[in-house]
Amino acid sequence: MPYRSVTPVATQVVARIMAVLDELPTGEGLPPVRSLAVLLGARRDASVLRAGADGFSWGEIGDRLRMSHQSVWSRYRIEEQERSPESSGARSGHRSRDHAHPSCAAYSALPRALSGL
């Protein structure tokens, strides 16, 4: 699926990451691609929950992710309910910006691959 930017900043960031990945030899490029997939998945999850906590509707979140609001709601409503202050006693949107697992093996290849950014 071709990449379609939402903002000029998104276009620049994606272009820089792709340029770095394109410069890597094939064997060295695979671990950073996996790392990015893991990290971006975790960041997307945290960002969706934070957007909801900040008052964005499922439709607004879906528009920004280029997903239907039904898809976003279906994927994230359970986790949102589990993270709500009423159900857990935690602050709404309590995940940090960098909510991913630092012990994840996917982290190891990323700094080398993206050190030029």
C-alpha atoms as a PDB file:
ATOM      1  CA  MET A   1       0.000   0.000   0.000  1.00  0.00           C
ATOM      2  CA  PRO A   2       1.500   3.370  -0.944  1.00  0.00           C
ATOM      3  CA  TYR A   3       2.187   5.864   1.807  1.00  0.00           C
ATOM      4  CA  ARG A   4      -0.125   8.873   1.891  1.00  0.00           C
ATOM      5  CA  SER A   5       0.959  11.684   4.165  1.00  0.00           C
ATOM      6  CA  VAL A   6      -1.340  13.480   6.517  1.00  0.00           C
ATOM      7  CA  THR A   7       0.979  16.433   7.162  1.00  0.00           C
ATOM      8  CA  PRO A   8       4.190  17.882   5.687  1.00  0.00           C
ATOM      9  CA  VAL A   9       6.045  16.974   8.890  1.00  0.00           C
ATOM     10  CA  ALA A  10       4.903  13.352   8.563  1.00  0.00           C
ATOM     11  CA  THR A  11       6.168  13.313   4.980  1.00  0.00           C
ATOM     12  CA  GLN A  12       9.605  14.571   6.072  1.00  0.00           C
ATOM     13  CA  VAL A  13       9.919  12.091   8.937  1.00  0.00           C
ATOM     14  CA  VAL A  14       8.905   9.134   6.790  1.00  0.00           C
ATOM     15  CA  ALA A  15      11.264  10.203   4.000  1.00  0.00           C
ATOM     16  CA  ARG A  16      14.205  10.430   6.421  1.00  0.00           C
ATOM     17  CA  ILE A  17      13.527   7.026   7.941  1.00  0.00           C
ATOM     18  CA  MET A  18      13.077   5.414   4.529  1.00  0.00           C
ATOM     19  CA  ALA A  19      16.324   6.974   3.257  1.00  0.00           C
ATOM     20  CA  VAL A  20      18.255   5.519   6.202  1.00  0.00           C
ATOM     21  CA  LEU A  21      16.684   2.085   5.713  1.00  0.00           C
ATOM     22  CA  ASP A  22      17.337   2.182   1.962  1.00  0.00           C
ATOM     23  CA  GLU A  23      21.045   2.771   2.582  1.00  0.00           C
ATOM     24  CA  LEU A  24      21.440  -0.364   4.707  1.00  0.00           C
ATOM     25  CA  PRO A  25      22.536  -3.671   3.206  1.00  0.00           C
ATOM     26  CA  THR A  26      19.609  -6.088   3.017  1.00  0.00           C
ATOM     27  CA  GLY A  27      20.711  -8.245   5.930  1.00  0.00           C
ATOM     28  CA  GLU A  28      21.274  -5.248   8.174  1.00  0.00           C
ATOM     29  CA  GLY A  29      18.011  -3.615   7.143  1.00  0.00           C
ATOM     30  CA  LEU A  30      15.708  -6.344   8.391  1.00  0.00           C
ATOM     31  CA  PRO A  31      16.218  -5.948  12.171  1.00  0.00           C
ATOM     32  CA  PRO A  32      15.615  -2.158  12.076  1.00  0.00           C
ATOM     33  CA  VAL A  33      12.426  -2.698  10.052  1.00  0.00           C
ATOM     34  CA  ARG A  34      11.186  -5.107  12.701  1.00  0.00           C
ATOM     35  CA  SER A  35      12.235  -2.694  15.440  1.00  0.00           C
ATOM     36  CA  LEU A  36      10.325   0.134  13.827  1.00  0.00           C
ATOM     37  CA  ALA A  37       7.228  -2.020  13.440  1.00  0.00           C
ATOM     38  CA  VAL A  38       7.278  -2.961  17.137  1.00  0.00           C
ATOM     39  CA  LEU A  39       8.010   0.554  18.335  1.00  0.00           C
ATOM     40  CA  LEU A  40       5.485   2.225  16.065  1.00  0.00           C
ATOM     41  CA  GLY A  41       2.791  -0.263  17.024  1.00  0.00           C
ATOM     42  CA  ALA A  42       3.330   0.474  20.705  1.00  0.00           C
ATOM     43  CA  ARG A  43       3.442   4.215  20.039  1.00  0.00           C
ATOM     44  CA  ARG A  44       0.248   4.076  17.974  1.00  0.00           C
ATOM     45  CA  ASP A  45      -1.566   2.241  20.759  1.00  0.00           C
ATOM     46  CA  ALA A  46      -0.423   4.747  23.384  1.00  0.00           C
ATOM     47  CA  SER A  47      -1.215   7.698  21.099  1.00  0.00           C
ATOM     48  CA  VAL A  48      -4.750   6.470  20.428  1.00  0.00           C
ATOM     49  CA  LEU A  49      -5.430   6.070  24.129  1.00  0.00           C
ATOM     50  CA  ARG A  50      -3.925   9.480  24.886  1.00  0.00           C
ATOM     51  CA  ALA A  51      -6.002  11.110  22.124  1.00  0.00           C
ATOM     52  CA  GLY A  52      -9.142   9.560  23.582  1.00  0.00           C
ATOM     53  CA  ALA A  53      -8.203  10.773  27.058  1.00  0.00           C
ATOM     54  CA  ASP A  54      -7.659  14.249  25.596  1.00  0.00           C
ATOM     55  CA  GLY A  55     -11.198  14.289  24.229  1.00  0.00           C
ATOM     56  CA  PHE A  56     -10.741  13.220  20.605  1.00  0.00           C
ATOM     57  CA  SER A  57     -13.670  11.227  19.239  1.00  0.00           C
ATOM     58  CA  TRP A  58     -13.233   7.799  17.642  1.00  0.00           C
ATOM     59  CA  GLY A  59     -14.009   9.489  14.313  1.00  0.00           C
ATOM     60  CA  GLU A  60     -11.291  12.123  14.774  1.00  0.00           C
ATOM     61  CA  ILE A  61      -8.752   9.479  15.753  1.00  0.00           C
ATOM     62  CA  GLY A  62      -9.781   7.300  12.799  1.00  0.00           C
ATOM     63  CA  ASP A  63      -9.446  10.225  10.384  1.00  0.00           C
ATOM     64  CA  ARG A  64      -5.896  10.877  11.534  1.00  0.00           C
ATOM     65  CA  LEU A  65      -4.982   7.189  11.262  1.00  0.00           C
ATOM     66  CA  ARG A  66      -6.882   6.801   7.970  1.00  0.00           C
ATOM     67  CA  MET A  67      -9.061   4.151   9.558  1.00  0.00           C
ATOM     68  CA  SER A  68     -12.809   4.046  10.063  1.00  0.00           C
ATOM     69  CA  HIS A  69     -14.029   5.090  13.489  1.00  0.00           C
ATOM     70  CA  GLN A  70     -15.566   1.622  13.809  1.00  0.00           C
ATOM     71  CA  SER A  71     -12.165  -0.016  13.296  1.00  0.00           C
ATOM     72  CA  VAL A  72     -10.509   2.243  15.846  1.00  0.00           C
ATOM     73  CA  TRP A  73     -13.314   1.731  18.347  1.00  0.00           C
ATOM     74  CA  SER A  74     -13.272  -2.044  17.863  1.00  0.00           C
ATOM     75  CA  ARG A  75      -9.515  -2.244  18.339  1.00  0.00           C
ATOM     76  CA  TYR A  76      -9.037   0.148  21.269  1.00  0.00           C
ATOM     77  CA  ARG A  77     -12.280   0.366  23.287  1.00  0.00           C
ATOM     78  CA  ILE A  78     -11.433  -2.560  25.579  1.00  0.00           C
ATOM     79  CA  GLU A  79      -7.977  -1.230  26.416  1.00  0.00           C
ATOM     80  CA  GLU A  80      -9.417   2.247  26.936  1.00  0.00           C
ATOM     81  CA  GLN A  81     -11.961   0.842  29.384  1.00  0.00           C
ATOM     82  CA  GLU A  82      -9.259  -1.108  31.206  1.00  0.00           C
ATOM     83  CA  ARG A  83      -7.122   2.035  31.477  1.00  0.00           C
ATOM     84  CA  SER A  84      -9.948   4.334  32.585  1.00  0.00           C
ATOM     85  CA  PRO A  85      -9.691   5.914  36.045  1.00  0.00           C
ATOM     86  CA  GLU A  86     -12.953   4.276  37.120  1.00  0.00           C
ATOM     87  CA  SER A  87     -11.751   0.752  36.417  1.00  0.00           C
ATOM     88  CA  SER A  88      -8.111   0.924  37.421  1.00  0.00           C
ATOM     89  CA  GLY A  89      -7.684   3.812  39.790  1.00  0.00           C
ATOM     90  CA  ALA A  90      -5.014   5.201  37.447  1.00  0.00           C
ATOM     91  CA  ARG A  91      -4.996   8.587  35.778  1.00  0.00           C
ATOM     92  CA  SER A  92      -6.608   8.612  32.362  1.00  0.00           C
ATOM     93  CA  GLY A  93      -3.980   8.509  29.596  1.00  0.00           C
ATOM     94  CA  HIS A  94      -1.270   7.581  32.113  1.00  0.00           C
ATOM     95  CA  ARG A  95       1.009   5.892  29.573  1.00  0.00           C
ATOM     96  CA  SER A  96       4.193   7.723  28.836  1.00  0.00           C
ATOM     97  CA  ARG A  97       5.106   8.969  25.364  1.00  0.00           C
ATOM     98  CA  ASP A  98       7.680   6.221  25.109  1.00  0.00           C
ATOM     99  CA  HIS A  99       5.455   3.402  26.278  1.00  0.00           C
ATOM    100  CA  ALA A 100       7.187   0.460  24.717  1.00  0.00           C
ATOM    101  CA  HIS A 101       9.142  -2.272  26.338  1.00  0.00           C
ATOM    102  CA  PRO A 102      12.813  -1.298  26.747  1.00  0.00           C
ATOM    103  CA  SER A 103      13.815  -4.930  27.197  1.00  0.00           C
ATOM    104  CA  CYS A 104      12.407  -5.791  23.779  1.00  0.00           C
ATOM    105  CA  ALA A 105      15.057  -7.227  21.460  1.00  0.00           C
ATOM    106  CA  ALA A 106      13.727  -5.000  18.696  1.00  0.00           C
ATOM    107  CA  TYR A 107      15.437  -2.029  20.323  1.00  0.00           C
ATOM    108  CA  SER A 108      18.935  -3.326  19.723  1.00  0.00           C
ATOM    109  CA  ALA A 109      19.183  -2.651  15.986  1.00  0.00           C
ATOM    110  CA  LEU A 110      17.387   0.689  15.918  1.00  0.00           C
ATOM    111  CA  PRO A 111      20.046   3.072  17.265  1.00  0.00           C
ATOM    112  CA  ARG A 112      22.641   1.852  14.766  1.00  0.00           C
ATOM    113  CA  ALA A 113      20.282   2.139  11.833  1.00  0.00           C
ATOM    114  CA  LEU A 114      18.858   5.542  12.674  1.00  0.00           C
ATOM    115  CA  SER A 115      21.917   7.224  14.167  1.00  0.00           C
ATOM    116  CA  GLY A 116      22.122   9.556  11.154  1.00  0.00           C
ATOM    117  CA  LEU A 117      18.663  11.071  11.699  1.00  0.00           C
END
